[in-house]
Amino acid sequence: MSIQLPAMRGLLIDLDGTLYHGTKRIEGADTLITYLRETELPFRFVTNNSSATPEEVAKRLADMGISAEPAEVCTSAQAASGYIAGKRPGASVFAIGEKGLLEAVRGAGLTLTEEKPDFVLQGIDRFFTYERLAKAVRHIHEGAAYVLTNPDLLLPSTDGLIPGAGSIGAMLTAAGGKEPVLIGKPSQILMDYSLKSIGLTAGETWVVGDNMATDIAFGKSAGCGTVLVLTGLTTLKNIDNYMKQAGCEPDMICHQLDELRSYISDRRGI
């Protein structure tokens, strides 16, 4: 485990597999966030999951005993909608996704439509159908730009791994014949959104997560310090394989969240 990370003034913290599995809090998640609050160390909950609104994410965390506010949540749905609005204010969007994505689209001043959209925006959709796939493919072939909230093929849950937005995206990319604009981790787009929210630079920020291909690659490409926690997707059994696939290594590896909290406390002397 490395003991020399870049300067740290704030943290971007993953959720699924890092702070919880499904509806089950990971040991040490509550005390880590409480410590960050008590020491006034800024942080943001940064998630590739586009299904929930920031309010719902904050409530989910609070229900598990993890203190959270909606303003502290950065989702791929928010960043994706902001990206589209920046490219074409008021654009029309055909959305494949759940409540978090749909509300983010509306909140960015975009218009949801089923016909002739400017953009196809796709996230995770646990009610996804072949009919929605067929419509999205037709729109892409007719010229709509394709935006993907995140590339996660798998997500950890209470019952084990489940397919993520990237699995739907693989079908849509193959059938649509067009590579999407990627918004979520490891894309710089979500990084820029999150850093703007927390008010820090990449060099002042650590990224904490359980996924080498998204969380750690996300931080590495931006120049953040990176902390891999072995609480979710990555374990001692698969870490070498995942590091090889990601093409990078974390600055620090923690087996448990309490280990990370202790390290931060020692480093800051608080």
C-alpha atoms as a PDB file:
ATOM      1  CA  MET A   1       0.000   0.000   0.000  1.00  0.00           C
ATOM      2  CA  SER A   2       1.355   3.390  -1.046  1.00  0.00           C
ATOM      3  CA  ILE A   3       1.683   6.015   1.654  1.00  0.00           C
ATOM      4  CA  GLN A   4       2.381   9.060  -0.525  1.00  0.00           C
ATOM      5  CA  LEU A   5      -0.646  10.557  -2.240  1.00  0.00           C
ATOM      6  CA  PRO A   6      -0.941  14.007  -3.820  1.00  0.00           C
ATOM      7  CA  ALA A   7      -2.078  16.919  -1.679  1.00  0.00           C
ATOM      8  CA  MET A   8      -5.671  16.411  -0.541  1.00  0.00           C
ATOM      9  CA  ARG A   9      -8.303  19.078   0.137  1.00  0.00           C
ATOM     10  CA  GLY A  10     -11.375  17.052  -0.796  1.00  0.00           C
ATOM     11  CA  LEU A  11     -12.665  13.649  -1.893  1.00  0.00           C
ATOM     12  CA  LEU A  12     -14.852  12.326  -4.696  1.00  0.00           C
ATOM     13  CA  ILE A  13     -16.385   9.154  -3.296  1.00  0.00           C
ATOM     14  CA  ASP A  14     -18.045   6.367  -5.268  1.00  0.00           C
ATOM     15  CA  LEU A  15     -21.252   4.785  -3.931  1.00  0.00           C
ATOM     16  CA  ASP A  16     -22.123   1.323  -5.275  1.00  0.00           C
ATOM     17  CA  GLY A  17     -19.553  -1.120  -3.925  1.00  0.00           C
ATOM     18  CA  THR A  18     -17.760   1.587  -1.961  1.00  0.00           C
ATOM     19  CA  LEU A  19     -20.275   2.787   0.637  1.00  0.00           C
ATOM     20  CA  TYR A  20     -23.018   0.200   0.160  1.00  0.00           C
ATOM     21  CA  HIS A  21     -24.162  -2.971  -1.590  1.00  0.00           C
ATOM     22  CA  GLY A  22     -27.780  -2.576  -2.655  1.00  0.00           C
ATOM     23  CA  THR A  23     -29.480  -1.503   0.582  1.00  0.00           C
ATOM     24  CA  LYS A  24     -26.718  -2.754   2.873  1.00  0.00           C
ATOM     25  CA  ARG A  25     -24.199  -0.295   4.255  1.00  0.00           C
ATOM     26  CA  ILE A  26     -20.557  -1.313   3.972  1.00  0.00           C
ATOM     27  CA  GLU A  27     -18.801  -1.399   7.322  1.00  0.00           C
ATOM     28  CA  GLY A  28     -17.140   1.910   8.150  1.00  0.00           C
ATOM     29  CA  ALA A  29     -19.077   3.991   5.599  1.00  0.00           C
ATOM     30  CA  ASP A  30     -21.018   5.918   8.232  1.00  0.00           C
ATOM     31  CA  THR A  31     -18.009   6.707  10.391  1.00  0.00           C
ATOM     32  CA  LEU A  32     -15.952   7.788   7.368  1.00  0.00           C
ATOM     33  CA  ILE A  33     -18.536  10.364   6.291  1.00  0.00           C
ATOM     34  CA  THR A  34     -19.084  11.516   9.882  1.00  0.00           C
ATOM     35  CA  TYR A  35     -15.328  12.045  10.229  1.00  0.00           C
ATOM     36  CA  LEU A  36     -15.194  14.090   7.006  1.00  0.00           C
ATOM     37  CA  ARG A  37     -18.000  16.318   8.288  1.00  0.00           C
ATOM     38  CA  GLU A  38     -16.459  16.765  11.710  1.00  0.00           C
ATOM     39  CA  THR A  39     -13.132  17.782  10.202  1.00  0.00           C
ATOM     40  CA  GLU A  40     -14.814  19.962   7.534  1.00  0.00           C
ATOM     41  CA  LEU A  41     -13.111  18.094   4.707  1.00  0.00           C
ATOM     42  CA  PRO A  42     -15.171  18.665   1.517  1.00  0.00           C
ATOM     43  CA  PHE A  43     -16.477  15.650  -0.385  1.00  0.00           C
ATOM     44  CA  ARG A  44     -18.937  14.669  -3.063  1.00  0.00           C
ATOM     45  CA  PHE A  45     -20.745  11.402  -3.659  1.00  0.00           C
ATOM     46  CA  VAL A  46     -20.009  10.691  -7.326  1.00  0.00           C
ATOM     47  CA  THR A  47     -21.947   7.931  -8.994  1.00  0.00           C
ATOM     48  CA  ASN A  48     -22.202   6.518 -12.487  1.00  0.00           C
ATOM     49  CA  ASN A  49     -25.661   5.225 -11.623  1.00  0.00           C
ATOM     50  CA  SER A  50     -28.182   7.418 -13.436  1.00  0.00           C
ATOM     51  CA  SER A  51     -31.359   5.832 -12.063  1.00  0.00           C
ATOM     52  CA  ALA A  52     -31.914   7.982  -8.963  1.00  0.00           C
ATOM     53  CA  THR A  53     -32.237  11.721  -8.374  1.00  0.00           C
ATOM     54  CA  PRO A  54     -29.793  13.447  -5.986  1.00  0.00           C
ATOM     55  CA  GLU A  55     -32.612  13.650  -3.439  1.00  0.00           C
ATOM     56  CA  GLU A  56     -33.229   9.912  -3.707  1.00  0.00           C
ATOM     57  CA  VAL A  57     -29.515   9.130  -3.450  1.00  0.00           C
ATOM     58  CA  ALA A  58     -29.193  11.275  -0.325  1.00  0.00           C
ATOM     59  CA  LYS A  59     -32.241   9.610   1.245  1.00  0.00           C
ATOM     60  CA  ARG A  60     -30.936   6.138   0.392  1.00  0.00           C
ATOM     61  CA  LEU A  61     -27.682   6.964   2.138  1.00  0.00           C
ATOM     62  CA  ALA A  62     -29.443   8.501   5.133  1.00  0.00           C
ATOM     63  CA  ASP A  63     -31.682   5.429   5.451  1.00  0.00           C
ATOM     64  CA  MET A  64     -28.495   3.370   5.777  1.00  0.00           C
ATOM     65  CA  GLY A  65     -27.139   5.676   8.464  1.00  0.00           C
ATOM     66  CA  ILE A  66     -24.803   7.603   6.160  1.00  0.00           C
ATOM     67  CA  SER A  67     -25.228  11.368   6.460  1.00  0.00           C
ATOM     68  CA  ALA A  68     -25.891  12.949   3.045  1.00  0.00           C
ATOM     69  CA  GLU A  69     -27.382  16.031   1.379  1.00  0.00           C
ATOM     70  CA  PRO A  70     -28.674  16.234  -2.221  1.00  0.00           C
ATOM     71  CA  ALA A  71     -26.205  19.030  -3.030  1.00  0.00           C
ATOM     72  CA  GLU A  72     -23.364  16.626  -2.197  1.00  0.00           C
ATOM     73  CA  VAL A  73     -24.447  14.159  -4.901  1.00  0.00           C
ATOM     74  CA  CYS A  74     -23.061  14.209  -8.456  1.00  0.00           C
ATOM     75  CA  THR A  75     -24.665  11.745 -10.865  1.00  0.00           C
ATOM     76  CA  SER A  76     -23.896  10.778 -14.439  1.00  0.00           C
ATOM     77  CA  ALA A  77     -27.468  11.802 -15.307  1.00  0.00           C
ATOM     78  CA  GLN A  78     -26.834  15.375 -14.139  1.00  0.00           C
ATOM     79  CA  ALA A  79     -23.534  15.586 -15.990  1.00  0.00           C
ATOM     80  CA  ALA A  80     -25.026  14.065 -19.153  1.00  0.00           C
ATOM     81  CA  SER A  81     -27.955  16.469 -19.219  1.00  0.00           C
ATOM     82  CA  GLY A  82     -25.626  19.388 -18.598  1.00  0.00           C
ATOM     83  CA  TYR A  83     -23.381  18.232 -21.431  1.00  0.00           C
ATOM     84  CA  ILE A  84     -26.284  18.063 -23.884  1.00  0.00           C
ATOM     85  CA  ALA A  85     -27.656  21.435 -22.764  1.00  0.00           C
ATOM     86  CA  GLY A  86     -24.200  22.923 -23.287  1.00  0.00           C
ATOM     87  CA  LYS A  87     -24.024  21.526 -26.800  1.00  0.00           C
ATOM     88  CA  ARG A  88     -27.587  22.454 -27.778  1.00  0.00           C
ATOM     89  CA  PRO A  89     -29.768  24.380 -25.309  1.00  0.00           C
ATOM     90  CA  GLY A  90     -33.343  23.108 -25.319  1.00  0.00           C
ATOM     91  CA  ALA A  91     -32.461  20.028 -27.370  1.00  0.00           C
ATOM     92  CA  SER A  92     -34.932  17.167 -27.794  1.00  0.00           C
ATOM     93  CA  VAL A  93     -33.924  13.877 -26.153  1.00  0.00           C
ATOM     94  CA  PHE A  94     -35.052  10.276 -26.518  1.00  0.00           C
ATOM     95  CA  ALA A  95     -34.150   8.837 -23.117  1.00  0.00           C
ATOM     96  CA  ILE A  96     -33.568   5.252 -22.077  1.00  0.00           C
ATOM     97  CA  GLY A  97     -33.418   5.400 -18.307  1.00  0.00           C
ATOM     98  CA  GLU A  98     -35.202   5.779 -15.024  1.00  0.00           C
ATOM     99  CA  LYS A  99     -36.435   8.649 -12.837  1.00  0.00           C
ATOM    100  CA  GLY A 100     -33.013  10.130 -12.108  1.00  0.00           C
ATOM    101  CA  LEU A 101     -32.214  10.480 -15.793  1.00  0.00           C
ATOM    102  CA  LEU A 102     -35.627  11.810 -16.808  1.00  0.00           C
ATOM    103  CA  GLU A 103     -35.668  14.468 -14.087  1.00  0.00           C
ATOM    104  CA  ALA A 104     -32.115  15.537 -14.910  1.00  0.00           C
ATOM    105  CA  VAL A 105     -33.102  16.005 -18.555  1.00  0.00           C
ATOM    106  CA  ARG A 106     -36.067  18.184 -17.604  1.00  0.00           C
ATOM    107  CA  GLY A 107     -33.990  20.080 -15.050  1.00  0.00           C
ATOM    108  CA  ALA A 108     -31.462  21.013 -17.732  1.00  0.00           C
ATOM    109  CA  GLY A 109     -34.190  22.586 -19.866  1.00  0.00           C
ATOM    110  CA  LEU A 110     -34.218  19.759 -22.411  1.00  0.00           C
ATOM    111  CA  THR A 111     -37.316  18.232 -24.005  1.00  0.00           C
ATOM    112  CA  LEU A 112     -38.165  14.544 -23.776  1.00  0.00           C
ATOM    113  CA  THR A 113     -39.510  13.129 -27.012  1.00  0.00           C
ATOM    114  CA  GLU A 114     -40.265   9.825 -28.708  1.00  0.00           C
ATOM    115  CA  GLU A 115     -39.894  11.094 -32.277  1.00  0.00           C
ATOM    116  CA  LYS A 116     -37.032  12.710 -34.214  1.00  0.00           C
ATOM    117  CA  PRO A 117     -34.786  13.545 -31.227  1.00  0.00           C
ATOM    118  CA  ASP A 118     -31.573  15.516 -31.421  1.00  0.00           C
ATOM    119  CA  PHE A 119     -29.984  13.109 -28.922  1.00  0.00           C
ATOM    120  CA  VAL A 120     -30.432   9.543 -27.726  1.00  0.00           C
ATOM    121  CA  LEU A 121     -29.456   9.564 -24.045  1.00  0.00           C
ATOM    122  CA  GLN A 122     -29.079   6.150 -22.440  1.00  0.00           C
ATOM    123  CA  GLY A 123     -28.474   5.090 -18.876  1.00  0.00           C
ATOM    124  CA  ILE A 124     -29.430   2.089 -16.795  1.00  0.00           C
ATOM    125  CA  ASP A 125     -33.030   0.961 -17.272  1.00  0.00           C
ATOM    126  CA  ARG A 126     -34.235  -2.034 -15.322  1.00  0.00           C
ATOM    127  CA  PHE A 127     -37.477  -1.971 -17.343  1.00  0.00           C
ATOM    128  CA  PHE A 128     -35.692  -1.916 -20.706  1.00  0.00           C
ATOM    129  CA  THR A 129     -37.509  -3.545 -23.623  1.00  0.00           C
ATOM    130  CA  TYR A 130     -36.705  -4.618 -27.149  1.00  0.00           C
ATOM    131  CA  GLU A 131     -39.143  -1.968 -28.392  1.00  0.00           C
ATOM    132  CA  ARG A 132     -37.094   0.806 -26.715  1.00  0.00           C
ATOM    133  CA  LEU A 133     -33.908  -0.638 -28.195  1.00  0.00           C
ATOM    134  CA  ALA A 134     -35.434  -0.669 -31.679  1.00  0.00           C
ATOM    135  CA  LYS A 135     -36.602   2.950 -31.384  1.00  0.00           C
ATOM    136  CA  ALA A 136     -33.210   4.143 -30.169  1.00  0.00           C
ATOM    137  CA  VAL A 137     -31.419   2.337 -32.995  1.00  0.00           C
ATOM    138  CA  ARG A 138     -33.705   3.938 -35.597  1.00  0.00           C
ATOM    139  CA  HIS A 139     -33.119   7.400 -34.127  1.00  0.00           C
ATOM    140  CA  ILE A 140     -29.351   6.939 -34.203  1.00  0.00           C
ATOM    141  CA  HIS A 141     -29.423   5.759 -37.810  1.00  0.00           C
ATOM    142  CA  GLU A 142     -31.541   8.811 -38.644  1.00  0.00           C
ATOM    143  CA  GLY A 143     -28.859  11.129 -37.260  1.00  0.00           C
ATOM    144  CA  ALA A 144     -29.443  11.545 -33.526  1.00  0.00           C
ATOM    145  CA  ALA A 145     -26.285  11.904 -31.434  1.00  0.00           C
ATOM    146  CA  TYR A 146     -25.769   9.080 -28.935  1.00  0.00           C
ATOM    147  CA  VAL A 147     -24.818   9.883 -25.327  1.00  0.00           C
ATOM    148  CA  LEU A 148     -24.148   7.150 -22.748  1.00  0.00           C
ATOM    149  CA  THR A 149     -24.288   8.002 -19.062  1.00  0.00           C
ATOM    150  CA  ASN A 150     -21.669   5.422 -18.047  1.00  0.00           C
ATOM    151  CA  PRO A 151     -19.863   2.304 -19.288  1.00  0.00           C
ATOM    152  CA  ASP A 152     -20.395   0.026 -16.268  1.00  0.00           C
ATOM    153  CA  LEU A 153     -21.110  -3.482 -17.512  1.00  0.00           C
ATOM    154  CA  LEU A 154     -21.818  -4.771 -14.008  1.00  0.00           C
ATOM    155  CA  LEU A 155     -23.041  -3.304 -10.713  1.00  0.00           C
ATOM    156  CA  PRO A 156     -22.751  -4.823  -7.236  1.00  0.00           C
ATOM    157  CA  SER A 157     -26.047  -5.406  -5.435  1.00  0.00           C
ATOM    158  CA  THR A 158     -27.319  -7.149  -2.329  1.00  0.00           C
ATOM    159  CA  ASP A 159     -27.867 -10.311  -4.375  1.00  0.00           C
ATOM    160  CA  GLY A 160     -24.607 -10.099  -6.334  1.00  0.00           C
ATOM    161  CA  LEU A 161     -23.602  -8.533  -9.649  1.00  0.00           C
ATOM    162  CA  ILE A 162     -26.260  -7.221 -12.039  1.00  0.00           C
ATOM    163  CA  PRO A 163     -25.996  -5.753 -15.598  1.00  0.00           C
ATOM    164  CA  GLY A 164     -25.273  -2.031 -15.786  1.00  0.00           C
ATOM    165  CA  ALA A 165     -25.840   0.733 -18.335  1.00  0.00           C
ATOM    166  CA  GLY A 166     -22.789  -0.374 -20.294  1.00  0.00           C
ATOM    167  CA  SER A 167     -24.427  -3.719 -21.029  1.00  0.00           C
ATOM    168  CA  ILE A 168     -27.393  -1.966 -22.652  1.00  0.00           C
ATOM    169  CA  GLY A 169     -24.946   0.391 -24.319  1.00  0.00           C
ATOM    170  CA  ALA A 170     -23.079  -2.519 -25.895  1.00  0.00           C
ATOM    171  CA  MET A 171     -26.268  -3.599 -27.680  1.00  0.00           C
ATOM    172  CA  LEU A 172     -27.114  -0.065 -28.752  1.00  0.00           C
ATOM    173  CA  THR A 173     -23.593   0.634 -30.013  1.00  0.00           C
ATOM    174  CA  ALA A 174     -23.518  -2.581 -32.017  1.00  0.00           C
ATOM    175  CA  ALA A 175     -26.946  -2.061 -33.579  1.00  0.00           C
ATOM    176  CA  GLY A 176     -26.691   1.701 -33.967  1.00  0.00           C
ATOM    177  CA  GLY A 177     -23.239   1.596 -35.521  1.00  0.00           C
ATOM    178  CA  LYS A 178     -22.123   4.702 -33.633  1.00  0.00           C
ATOM    179  CA  GLU A 179     -19.829   5.056 -30.625  1.00  0.00           C
ATOM    180  CA  PRO A 180     -21.472   7.109 -27.851  1.00  0.00           C
ATOM    181  CA  VAL A 181     -20.175  10.175 -26.088  1.00  0.00           C
ATOM    182  CA  LEU A 182     -19.293   8.787 -22.665  1.00  0.00           C
ATOM    183  CA  ILE A 183     -20.251  10.933 -19.674  1.00  0.00           C
ATOM    184  CA  GLY A 184     -19.611   8.944 -16.485  1.00  0.00           C
ATOM    185  CA  LYS A 185     -16.440   7.584 -14.977  1.00  0.00           C
ATOM    186  CA  PRO A 186     -13.781   7.388 -16.348  1.00  0.00           C
ATOM    187  CA  SER A 187     -14.813  10.299 -18.610  1.00  0.00           C
ATOM    188  CA  GLN A 188     -13.490  13.795 -17.976  1.00  0.00           C
ATOM    189  CA  ILE A 189     -17.027  15.137 -18.389  1.00  0.00           C
ATOM    190  CA  LEU A 190     -18.248  13.802 -15.043  1.00  0.00           C
ATOM    191  CA  MET A 191     -14.911  14.737 -13.484  1.00  0.00           C
ATOM    192  CA  ASP A 192     -15.283  18.370 -14.594  1.00  0.00           C
ATOM    193  CA  TYR A 193     -18.856  18.420 -13.287  1.00  0.00           C
ATOM    194  CA  SER A 194     -17.798  17.005  -9.913  1.00  0.00           C
ATOM    195  CA  LEU A 195     -14.782  19.274  -9.480  1.00  0.00           C
ATOM    196  CA  LYS A 196     -16.939  22.310 -10.266  1.00  0.00           C
ATOM    197  CA  SER A 197     -19.417  21.142  -7.627  1.00  0.00           C
ATOM    198  CA  ILE A 198     -16.776  20.685  -4.931  1.00  0.00           C
ATOM    199  CA  GLY A 199     -14.848  23.808  -5.955  1.00  0.00           C
ATOM    200  CA  LEU A 200     -11.415  22.174  -6.149  1.00  0.00           C
ATOM    201  CA  THR A 201      -8.819  21.250  -8.751  1.00  0.00           C
ATOM    202  CA  ALA A 202      -7.914  17.681  -9.664  1.00  0.00           C
ATOM    203  CA  GLY A 203      -4.548  18.036  -7.952  1.00  0.00           C
ATOM    204  CA  GLU A 204      -6.291  18.837  -4.655  1.00  0.00           C
ATOM    205  CA  THR A 205      -8.713  15.924  -4.823  1.00  0.00           C
ATOM    206  CA  TRP A 206      -8.688  12.192  -4.140  1.00  0.00           C
ATOM    207  CA  VAL A 207     -10.988   9.720  -5.856  1.00  0.00           C
ATOM    208  CA  VAL A 208     -12.176   6.792  -3.708  1.00  0.00           C
ATOM    209  CA  GLY A 209     -13.803   3.740  -5.285  1.00  0.00           C
ATOM    210  CA  ASP A 210     -13.936  -0.025  -5.763  1.00  0.00           C
ATOM    211  CA  ASN A 211     -13.718  -0.234  -9.561  1.00  0.00           C
ATOM    212  CA  MET A 212     -10.386  -0.040 -11.381  1.00  0.00           C
ATOM    213  CA  ALA A 213     -11.864   0.597 -14.838  1.00  0.00           C
ATOM    214  CA  THR A 214     -14.128   3.434 -13.741  1.00  0.00           C
ATOM    215  CA  ASP A 215     -13.214   4.952 -10.354  1.00  0.00           C
ATOM    216  CA  ILE A 216      -9.442   4.598 -10.437  1.00  0.00           C
ATOM    217  CA  ALA A 217      -9.030   5.268 -14.165  1.00  0.00           C
ATOM    218  CA  PHE A 218     -11.327   8.287 -13.605  1.00  0.00           C
ATOM    219  CA  GLY A 219      -8.994   9.769 -11.025  1.00  0.00           C
ATOM    220  CA  LYS A 220      -5.758   8.797 -12.733  1.00  0.00           C
ATOM    221  CA  SER A 221      -6.646  10.360 -16.091  1.00  0.00           C
ATOM    222  CA  ALA A 222      -7.592  13.642 -14.394  1.00  0.00           C
ATOM    223  CA  GLY A 223      -4.520  13.836 -12.148  1.00  0.00           C
ATOM    224  CA  CYS A 224      -6.275  13.130  -8.836  1.00  0.00           C
ATOM    225  CA  GLY A 225      -4.975  10.952  -6.037  1.00  0.00           C
ATOM    226  CA  THR A 226      -6.649   7.537  -6.176  1.00  0.00           C
ATOM    227  CA  VAL A 227      -7.686   5.147  -3.401  1.00  0.00           C
ATOM    228  CA  LEU A 228      -8.951   1.676  -4.278  1.00  0.00           C
ATOM    229  CA  VAL A 229     -11.112   0.083  -1.594  1.00  0.00           C
ATOM    230  CA  LEU A 230     -11.566  -3.696  -1.663  1.00  0.00           C
ATOM    231  CA  THR A 231     -15.186  -3.462  -0.566  1.00  0.00           C
ATOM    232  CA  GLY A 232     -16.980  -4.183  -3.828  1.00  0.00           C
ATOM    233  CA  LEU A 233     -16.113  -5.227  -7.368  1.00  0.00           C
ATOM    234  CA  THR A 234     -12.348  -5.442  -6.835  1.00  0.00           C
ATOM    235  CA  THR A 235     -11.023  -8.054  -4.417  1.00  0.00           C
ATOM    236  CA  LEU A 236      -7.665  -9.600  -3.594  1.00  0.00           C
ATOM    237  CA  LYS A 237      -8.512 -12.442  -5.984  1.00  0.00           C
ATOM    238  CA  ASN A 238      -9.166 -10.286  -9.046  1.00  0.00           C
ATOM    239  CA  ILE A 239      -7.159  -7.121  -8.412  1.00  0.00           C
ATOM    240  CA  ASP A 240      -4.213  -8.051 -10.656  1.00  0.00           C
ATOM    241  CA  ASN A 241      -6.508  -8.835 -13.558  1.00  0.00           C
ATOM    242  CA  TYR A 242      -8.516  -5.634 -13.108  1.00  0.00           C
ATOM    243  CA  MET A 243      -5.372  -3.479 -12.886  1.00  0.00           C
ATOM    244  CA  LYS A 244      -4.117  -5.042 -16.109  1.00  0.00           C
ATOM    245  CA  GLN A 245      -7.426  -4.388 -17.844  1.00  0.00           C
ATOM    246  CA  ALA A 246      -7.562  -0.787 -16.605  1.00  0.00           C
ATOM    247  CA  GLY A 247      -3.942  -0.096 -17.553  1.00  0.00           C
ATOM    248  CA  CYS A 248      -3.256   1.764 -14.325  1.00  0.00           C
ATOM    249  CA  GLU A 249      -2.683   1.244 -10.609  1.00  0.00           C
ATOM    250  CA  PRO A 250      -4.186   3.048  -7.616  1.00  0.00           C
ATOM    251  CA  ASP A 251      -2.017   5.267  -5.450  1.00  0.00           C
ATOM    252  CA  MET A 252      -3.318   3.466  -2.395  1.00  0.00           C
ATOM    253  CA  ILE A 253      -5.223   0.275  -1.598  1.00  0.00           C
ATOM    254  CA  CYS A 254      -7.440  -0.066   1.477  1.00  0.00           C
ATOM    255  CA  HIS A 255      -9.051  -3.328   2.509  1.00  0.00           C
ATOM    256  CA  GLN A 256     -11.674  -1.536   4.614  1.00  0.00           C
ATOM    257  CA  LEU A 257     -13.067   1.987   4.910  1.00  0.00           C
ATOM    258  CA  ASP A 258     -11.842   2.331   8.492  1.00  0.00           C
ATOM    259  CA  GLU A 259      -8.327   1.926   7.129  1.00  0.00           C
ATOM    260  CA  LEU A 260      -8.892   4.905   4.823  1.00  0.00           C
ATOM    261  CA  ARG A 261     -10.334   7.017   7.636  1.00  0.00           C
ATOM    262  CA  SER A 262      -7.342   6.271   9.841  1.00  0.00           C
ATOM    263  CA  TYR A 263      -4.926   7.138   7.047  1.00  0.00           C
ATOM    264  CA  ILE A 264      -6.617  10.490   6.398  1.00  0.00           C
ATOM    265  CA  SER A 265      -6.642  11.244  10.112  1.00  0.00           C
ATOM    266  CA  ASP A 266      -2.926  10.469  10.450  1.00  0.00           C
ATOM    267  CA  ARG A 267      -2.060  12.491   7.385  1.00  0.00           C
ATOM    268  CA  ARG A 268      -3.997  15.545   8.491  1.00  0.00           C
ATOM    269  CA  GLY A 269      -3.186  15.200  12.174  1.00  0.00           C
ATOM    270  CA  ILE A 270      -6.871  15.437  13.104  1.00  0.00           C
END
